[in-house]
Each structure stands twice: as C-alpha cells, then as structure tokens.
N, C-alpha and C. Protein backbone atom coordinates (compact mmCIF):
# COMPACT_ATOMS: atom_id res chain seq x y z
N MET A 1 -4.39 -31.10 7.96
CA MET A 1 -4.78 -29.96 7.14
C MET A 1 -6.26 -29.67 7.36
N SER A 2 -6.65 -28.45 7.07
CA SER A 2 -8.03 -28.04 7.28
C SER A 2 -8.96 -28.56 6.20
N TYR A 3 -10.23 -28.27 6.37
CA TYR A 3 -11.28 -28.75 5.48
C TYR A 3 -12.17 -27.58 5.11
N VAL A 4 -12.68 -27.56 3.88
CA VAL A 4 -13.49 -26.45 3.39
C VAL A 4 -14.76 -26.98 2.75
N ASP A 5 -15.90 -26.37 3.10
CA ASP A 5 -17.13 -26.55 2.34
C ASP A 5 -17.21 -25.36 1.40
N GLY A 6 -17.36 -25.63 0.10
CA GLY A 6 -17.43 -24.57 -0.89
C GLY A 6 -18.80 -24.53 -1.55
N PHE A 7 -19.22 -23.33 -1.94
CA PHE A 7 -20.54 -23.13 -2.52
C PHE A 7 -20.46 -22.14 -3.68
N VAL A 8 -21.22 -22.41 -4.74
CA VAL A 8 -21.40 -21.48 -5.84
C VAL A 8 -22.90 -21.46 -6.13
N LEU A 9 -23.50 -20.26 -6.17
CA LEU A 9 -24.94 -20.18 -6.38
C LEU A 9 -25.33 -18.90 -7.07
N PRO A 10 -26.47 -18.92 -7.78
CA PRO A 10 -26.97 -17.71 -8.41
C PRO A 10 -27.94 -16.99 -7.47
N VAL A 11 -27.82 -15.68 -7.41
CA VAL A 11 -28.73 -14.88 -6.58
C VAL A 11 -29.27 -13.74 -7.44
N PRO A 12 -30.58 -13.56 -7.50
CA PRO A 12 -31.11 -12.40 -8.22
C PRO A 12 -30.54 -11.12 -7.60
N GLU A 13 -30.11 -10.19 -8.45
CA GLU A 13 -29.50 -8.97 -7.94
C GLU A 13 -30.43 -8.23 -6.98
N GLY A 14 -31.73 -8.29 -7.21
CA GLY A 14 -32.69 -7.65 -6.33
C GLY A 14 -32.82 -8.33 -4.98
N ASN A 15 -32.30 -9.55 -4.85
CA ASN A 15 -32.37 -10.30 -3.59
C ASN A 15 -31.04 -10.36 -2.86
N LEU A 16 -30.05 -9.62 -3.36
CA LEU A 16 -28.70 -9.73 -2.79
C LEU A 16 -28.69 -9.31 -1.31
N ASP A 17 -29.37 -8.22 -0.96
CA ASP A 17 -29.39 -7.81 0.44
C ASP A 17 -30.05 -8.86 1.32
N ALA A 18 -31.16 -9.44 0.85
CA ALA A 18 -31.85 -10.49 1.62
C ALA A 18 -30.94 -11.71 1.76
N TYR A 19 -30.21 -12.05 0.68
CA TYR A 19 -29.28 -13.18 0.75
C TYR A 19 -28.19 -12.91 1.79
N LEU A 20 -27.61 -11.72 1.75
CA LEU A 20 -26.53 -11.41 2.68
C LEU A 20 -27.03 -11.37 4.12
N GLU A 21 -28.25 -10.94 4.34
CA GLU A 21 -28.82 -10.98 5.69
C GLU A 21 -28.95 -12.43 6.17
N MET A 22 -29.45 -13.30 5.30
CA MET A 22 -29.55 -14.72 5.64
C MET A 22 -28.17 -15.31 5.88
N ALA A 23 -27.21 -14.96 5.03
CA ALA A 23 -25.84 -15.49 5.17
C ALA A 23 -25.20 -15.02 6.47
N ARG A 24 -25.44 -13.76 6.86
CA ARG A 24 -24.90 -13.26 8.12
C ARG A 24 -25.40 -14.08 9.29
N LYS A 25 -26.71 -14.34 9.30
CA LYS A 25 -27.30 -15.13 10.38
C LYS A 25 -26.74 -16.55 10.38
N ALA A 26 -26.66 -17.16 9.20
CA ALA A 26 -26.13 -18.52 9.10
C ALA A 26 -24.65 -18.54 9.52
N GLY A 27 -23.89 -17.56 9.07
CA GLY A 27 -22.48 -17.50 9.42
C GLY A 27 -22.24 -17.41 10.91
N GLU A 28 -23.09 -16.64 11.59
CA GLU A 28 -22.97 -16.54 13.04
C GLU A 28 -23.18 -17.90 13.70
N VAL A 29 -24.15 -18.66 13.19
CA VAL A 29 -24.43 -19.98 13.75
C VAL A 29 -23.23 -20.90 13.51
N TRP A 30 -22.71 -20.92 12.28
CA TRP A 30 -21.56 -21.78 11.97
C TRP A 30 -20.37 -21.41 12.85
N ARG A 31 -20.10 -20.11 12.99
CA ARG A 31 -18.95 -19.69 13.79
C ARG A 31 -19.14 -20.05 15.26
N GLU A 32 -20.36 -19.87 15.78
CA GLU A 32 -20.62 -20.23 17.19
C GLU A 32 -20.39 -21.71 17.45
N HIS A 33 -20.63 -22.53 16.43
CA HIS A 33 -20.46 -23.97 16.61
C HIS A 33 -19.04 -24.44 16.27
N GLY A 34 -18.15 -23.51 15.86
CA GLY A 34 -16.75 -23.87 15.71
C GLY A 34 -16.11 -23.68 14.36
N ALA A 35 -16.85 -23.23 13.34
CA ALA A 35 -16.21 -22.96 12.04
C ALA A 35 -15.15 -21.87 12.23
N LEU A 36 -14.03 -22.02 11.56
CA LEU A 36 -12.93 -21.07 11.69
C LEU A 36 -13.16 -19.80 10.87
N GLU A 37 -13.77 -19.95 9.69
CA GLU A 37 -14.07 -18.82 8.82
C GLU A 37 -15.39 -19.08 8.10
N TYR A 38 -16.08 -18.01 7.77
CA TYR A 38 -17.31 -18.08 6.97
C TYR A 38 -17.23 -16.90 6.02
N VAL A 39 -17.11 -17.15 4.72
CA VAL A 39 -16.83 -16.10 3.75
C VAL A 39 -17.86 -16.13 2.62
N GLU A 40 -18.37 -14.97 2.25
CA GLU A 40 -19.29 -14.81 1.12
C GLU A 40 -18.68 -13.81 0.16
N CYS A 41 -18.66 -14.13 -1.13
CA CYS A 41 -18.11 -13.24 -2.16
C CYS A 41 -19.11 -13.12 -3.29
N VAL A 42 -19.21 -11.92 -3.86
CA VAL A 42 -20.11 -11.70 -4.99
C VAL A 42 -19.26 -11.48 -6.25
N ALA A 43 -19.73 -11.99 -7.37
CA ALA A 43 -18.99 -11.91 -8.62
C ALA A 43 -18.63 -10.47 -8.95
N ASP A 44 -17.40 -10.28 -9.41
CA ASP A 44 -16.93 -8.96 -9.79
C ASP A 44 -16.30 -9.01 -11.18
N ASP A 45 -15.47 -10.00 -11.41
CA ASP A 45 -14.80 -10.17 -12.71
C ASP A 45 -15.02 -11.62 -13.15
N VAL A 46 -16.27 -11.93 -13.48
CA VAL A 46 -16.67 -13.30 -13.80
C VAL A 46 -17.39 -13.27 -15.16
N LYS A 47 -16.73 -13.83 -16.16
CA LYS A 47 -17.29 -13.79 -17.50
C LYS A 47 -17.74 -15.19 -17.93
N PRO A 48 -18.77 -15.25 -18.77
CA PRO A 48 -19.16 -16.55 -19.32
C PRO A 48 -18.00 -17.13 -20.14
N GLY A 49 -17.79 -18.41 -20.05
CA GLY A 49 -16.72 -19.05 -20.79
C GLY A 49 -17.23 -19.73 -22.04
N VAL A 50 -16.32 -20.28 -22.81
CA VAL A 50 -16.70 -21.04 -24.01
C VAL A 50 -17.21 -22.42 -23.59
N HIS A 51 -16.50 -23.07 -22.69
CA HIS A 51 -16.87 -24.43 -22.27
C HIS A 51 -17.37 -24.48 -20.83
N THR A 52 -16.69 -23.75 -19.93
CA THR A 52 -17.10 -23.74 -18.52
C THR A 52 -16.87 -22.35 -17.95
N SER A 53 -17.61 -22.04 -16.90
CA SER A 53 -17.43 -20.77 -16.19
C SER A 53 -18.33 -20.79 -14.97
N PHE A 54 -18.11 -19.84 -14.08
CA PHE A 54 -19.00 -19.73 -12.93
C PHE A 54 -20.44 -19.46 -13.38
N PRO A 55 -20.69 -18.51 -14.30
CA PRO A 55 -22.07 -18.30 -14.74
C PRO A 55 -22.71 -19.56 -15.34
N GLN A 56 -21.95 -20.28 -16.14
CA GLN A 56 -22.50 -21.50 -16.75
C GLN A 56 -22.76 -22.57 -15.70
N SER A 57 -21.92 -22.64 -14.68
CA SER A 57 -22.06 -23.70 -13.70
C SER A 57 -23.38 -23.63 -12.94
N VAL A 58 -23.94 -22.42 -12.80
CA VAL A 58 -25.20 -22.25 -12.07
C VAL A 58 -26.34 -21.84 -13.00
N LYS A 59 -26.10 -21.94 -14.32
CA LYS A 59 -27.11 -21.56 -15.31
C LYS A 59 -27.64 -20.15 -15.02
N LEU A 60 -26.69 -19.22 -14.89
CA LEU A 60 -26.99 -17.85 -14.55
C LEU A 60 -27.99 -17.25 -15.54
N GLU A 61 -29.00 -16.59 -15.00
CA GLU A 61 -30.04 -15.94 -15.81
C GLU A 61 -29.85 -14.43 -15.75
N PRO A 62 -30.42 -13.69 -16.72
CA PRO A 62 -30.32 -12.23 -16.68
C PRO A 62 -30.85 -11.69 -15.34
N GLY A 63 -30.16 -10.69 -14.81
CA GLY A 63 -30.56 -10.10 -13.54
C GLY A 63 -30.06 -10.85 -12.31
N GLU A 64 -29.21 -11.85 -12.52
CA GLU A 64 -28.64 -12.60 -11.40
C GLU A 64 -27.14 -12.36 -11.32
N THR A 65 -26.58 -12.63 -10.15
CA THR A 65 -25.14 -12.60 -9.96
C THR A 65 -24.70 -13.91 -9.32
N VAL A 66 -23.42 -14.19 -9.39
CA VAL A 66 -22.87 -15.42 -8.81
C VAL A 66 -22.28 -15.13 -7.43
N ILE A 67 -22.61 -16.00 -6.49
CA ILE A 67 -22.02 -15.96 -5.15
C ILE A 67 -21.05 -17.14 -5.04
N PHE A 68 -19.87 -16.87 -4.52
CA PHE A 68 -18.87 -17.90 -4.24
C PHE A 68 -18.58 -17.79 -2.75
N SER A 69 -18.77 -18.89 -2.03
CA SER A 69 -18.56 -18.82 -0.58
C SER A 69 -17.90 -20.08 -0.07
N TRP A 70 -17.35 -19.96 1.13
CA TRP A 70 -16.74 -21.13 1.75
C TRP A 70 -16.78 -21.01 3.26
N ILE A 71 -16.72 -22.18 3.88
CA ILE A 71 -16.64 -22.28 5.33
C ILE A 71 -15.39 -23.11 5.63
N LEU A 72 -14.54 -22.60 6.50
CA LEU A 72 -13.28 -23.27 6.85
C LEU A 72 -13.41 -23.95 8.21
N TYR A 73 -12.92 -25.19 8.26
CA TYR A 73 -12.93 -25.99 9.49
C TYR A 73 -11.52 -26.50 9.76
N ALA A 74 -11.26 -26.88 10.99
CA ALA A 74 -9.95 -27.42 11.36
C ALA A 74 -9.68 -28.77 10.69
N SER A 75 -10.74 -29.56 10.46
CA SER A 75 -10.58 -30.90 9.89
C SER A 75 -11.93 -31.40 9.37
N ARG A 76 -11.92 -32.50 8.64
CA ARG A 76 -13.18 -33.11 8.18
C ARG A 76 -14.03 -33.54 9.38
N GLU A 77 -13.39 -34.07 10.40
CA GLU A 77 -14.12 -34.50 11.58
C GLU A 77 -14.81 -33.31 12.26
N GLU A 78 -14.09 -32.19 12.36
CA GLU A 78 -14.68 -30.98 12.94
C GLU A 78 -15.84 -30.49 12.07
N ARG A 79 -15.66 -30.54 10.77
CA ARG A 79 -16.73 -30.13 9.85
C ARG A 79 -17.97 -30.97 10.08
N ASP A 80 -17.83 -32.28 10.16
CA ASP A 80 -18.98 -33.16 10.36
C ASP A 80 -19.66 -32.87 11.70
N ARG A 81 -18.87 -32.66 12.75
CA ARG A 81 -19.42 -32.35 14.06
C ARG A 81 -20.16 -31.01 14.04
N ILE A 82 -19.53 -30.00 13.46
CA ILE A 82 -20.12 -28.66 13.42
C ILE A 82 -21.39 -28.65 12.57
N ASN A 83 -21.35 -29.28 11.40
CA ASN A 83 -22.54 -29.29 10.54
C ASN A 83 -23.71 -30.00 11.21
N ALA A 84 -23.44 -31.04 11.96
CA ALA A 84 -24.53 -31.73 12.68
C ALA A 84 -25.17 -30.78 13.69
N LYS A 85 -24.35 -30.01 14.40
CA LYS A 85 -24.88 -29.06 15.38
C LYS A 85 -25.64 -27.93 14.69
N VAL A 86 -25.12 -27.45 13.56
CA VAL A 86 -25.78 -26.38 12.82
C VAL A 86 -27.16 -26.84 12.34
N MET A 87 -27.24 -28.05 11.82
CA MET A 87 -28.52 -28.55 11.31
C MET A 87 -29.56 -28.72 12.42
N GLU A 88 -29.10 -28.91 13.65
CA GLU A 88 -30.01 -29.05 14.79
C GLU A 88 -30.35 -27.71 15.44
N ASP A 89 -29.63 -26.67 15.08
CA ASP A 89 -29.81 -25.36 15.72
C ASP A 89 -31.15 -24.76 15.28
N PRO A 90 -32.02 -24.39 16.21
CA PRO A 90 -33.35 -23.87 15.85
C PRO A 90 -33.30 -22.57 15.06
N ARG A 91 -32.20 -21.82 15.15
CA ARG A 91 -32.08 -20.58 14.37
C ARG A 91 -31.98 -20.85 12.87
N MET A 92 -31.65 -22.09 12.50
CA MET A 92 -31.49 -22.44 11.08
C MET A 92 -32.79 -22.94 10.45
N ALA A 93 -33.81 -23.22 11.24
CA ALA A 93 -35.03 -23.86 10.74
C ALA A 93 -35.64 -23.13 9.55
N ASP A 94 -35.87 -21.82 9.67
CA ASP A 94 -36.47 -21.07 8.57
C ASP A 94 -35.56 -21.02 7.35
N MET A 95 -34.26 -20.95 7.59
CA MET A 95 -33.31 -20.87 6.48
C MET A 95 -33.20 -22.18 5.70
N MET A 96 -33.61 -23.27 6.32
CA MET A 96 -33.52 -24.58 5.66
C MET A 96 -34.70 -24.84 4.73
N GLU A 97 -35.73 -24.02 4.79
CA GLU A 97 -36.91 -24.18 3.94
C GLU A 97 -36.66 -23.54 2.59
N PRO A 98 -36.66 -24.32 1.49
CA PRO A 98 -36.40 -23.76 0.16
C PRO A 98 -37.30 -22.58 -0.20
N ALA A 99 -38.54 -22.57 0.27
CA ALA A 99 -39.46 -21.46 -0.04
C ALA A 99 -38.97 -20.14 0.55
N ASN A 100 -38.10 -20.20 1.57
CA ASN A 100 -37.59 -18.99 2.21
C ASN A 100 -36.27 -18.50 1.61
N HIS A 101 -35.72 -19.23 0.66
CA HIS A 101 -34.43 -18.85 0.08
C HIS A 101 -34.59 -17.69 -0.90
N PRO A 102 -33.72 -16.69 -0.82
CA PRO A 102 -33.75 -15.61 -1.81
C PRO A 102 -32.94 -15.97 -3.06
N PHE A 103 -32.85 -17.25 -3.37
CA PHE A 103 -32.11 -17.75 -4.54
C PHE A 103 -32.71 -19.09 -4.92
N ASP A 104 -32.33 -19.60 -6.09
CA ASP A 104 -32.80 -20.89 -6.58
C ASP A 104 -31.83 -21.98 -6.12
N GLY A 105 -32.18 -22.67 -5.05
CA GLY A 105 -31.31 -23.68 -4.48
C GLY A 105 -31.05 -24.87 -5.39
N LYS A 106 -31.89 -25.06 -6.40
CA LYS A 106 -31.68 -26.18 -7.33
C LYS A 106 -30.45 -25.96 -8.19
N ARG A 107 -30.00 -24.71 -8.30
CA ARG A 107 -28.83 -24.40 -9.12
C ARG A 107 -27.59 -24.13 -8.28
N MET A 108 -27.67 -24.37 -6.98
CA MET A 108 -26.52 -24.21 -6.10
C MET A 108 -25.62 -25.44 -6.20
N ILE A 109 -24.33 -25.19 -6.21
CA ILE A 109 -23.33 -26.26 -6.23
C ILE A 109 -22.57 -26.19 -4.91
N TRP A 110 -22.33 -27.33 -4.29
CA TRP A 110 -21.57 -27.34 -3.04
C TRP A 110 -20.84 -28.65 -2.89
N GLY A 111 -19.84 -28.62 -2.04
CA GLY A 111 -19.10 -29.84 -1.75
C GLY A 111 -18.04 -29.59 -0.71
N GLY A 112 -17.48 -30.67 -0.17
CA GLY A 112 -16.43 -30.61 0.83
C GLY A 112 -15.08 -30.91 0.20
N PHE A 113 -14.06 -30.18 0.64
CA PHE A 113 -12.73 -30.29 0.04
C PHE A 113 -11.66 -30.38 1.11
N ARG A 114 -10.73 -31.31 0.93
CA ARG A 114 -9.55 -31.41 1.78
C ARG A 114 -8.54 -30.37 1.33
N GLU A 115 -7.97 -29.65 2.26
CA GLU A 115 -6.91 -28.71 1.91
C GLU A 115 -5.64 -29.51 1.60
N VAL A 116 -4.99 -29.20 0.50
CA VAL A 116 -3.76 -29.91 0.14
C VAL A 116 -2.57 -28.98 0.00
N LEU A 117 -2.81 -27.68 -0.04
CA LEU A 117 -1.72 -26.72 -0.14
C LEU A 117 -2.20 -25.39 0.40
N ARG A 118 -1.37 -24.75 1.21
CA ARG A 118 -1.67 -23.39 1.71
C ARG A 118 -0.34 -22.65 1.77
N LEU A 119 -0.29 -21.52 1.11
CA LEU A 119 0.90 -20.68 1.14
C LEU A 119 0.61 -19.45 1.99
N PRO A 120 1.53 -19.08 2.87
CA PRO A 120 1.29 -17.89 3.72
C PRO A 120 1.36 -16.60 2.91
C-alpha cells in the first residue's frame, strides 16, 4: 500500500499567494524526485469545533486560513528515499529557512501515514 505525508497549517490570508508559489516550487521538486501526488487545499467549509477542529489544531488566528495538504508515495521506503533527495536539493534551501516561510511553522502539524484502505 502507498504512504502519505500529511500537513495542516495556518496561513495568513494575505500570504496565500506567496504560500502557493512556494508550494508550487516545492511540489515540483517532490514530483521530480518521485512523489506520485502533491496536493494543497485551502479551507472552505471548516468550522471551529467544541473540542477539536482544524482551526483549533493550528491555533488559527483572525485573518488566517487553514491549509490541508498531502504528498503521496508508492511506499514508506520510497517516501524516505524521496525526502532525503528533496532535503539535499539546492532548490529547497531558501524554503527550509523559517524566516522565509509565509506562515508560522511552529503551528504546522505533519506526519507520515500508512494507507490502509482505498476505494476506487
């Protein structure tokens, strides 16, 4: 089964274009190194919850929106190989510097997930 890196992060609405430009560049690097898919989504129907929610998970502040994204790989092994190459790619250097992020990386949530079910 495939493997997915998932991300949830807050982006100031005024920085959304800058974020998407950065994501486009990063996505091209991931795809060139073998990622099967690179997807970015912006909140559309995301409401604060009573106990948990996407906005609460990233401590969303006024004027921000939630980004939900994922990268699909053929396997965990492929993910580890691809991520190692991406981290060494010189095109990623500026994007890896927190001062260059158009979002607060301290409130970003990410992790790797094994696929356990896929319906066509």
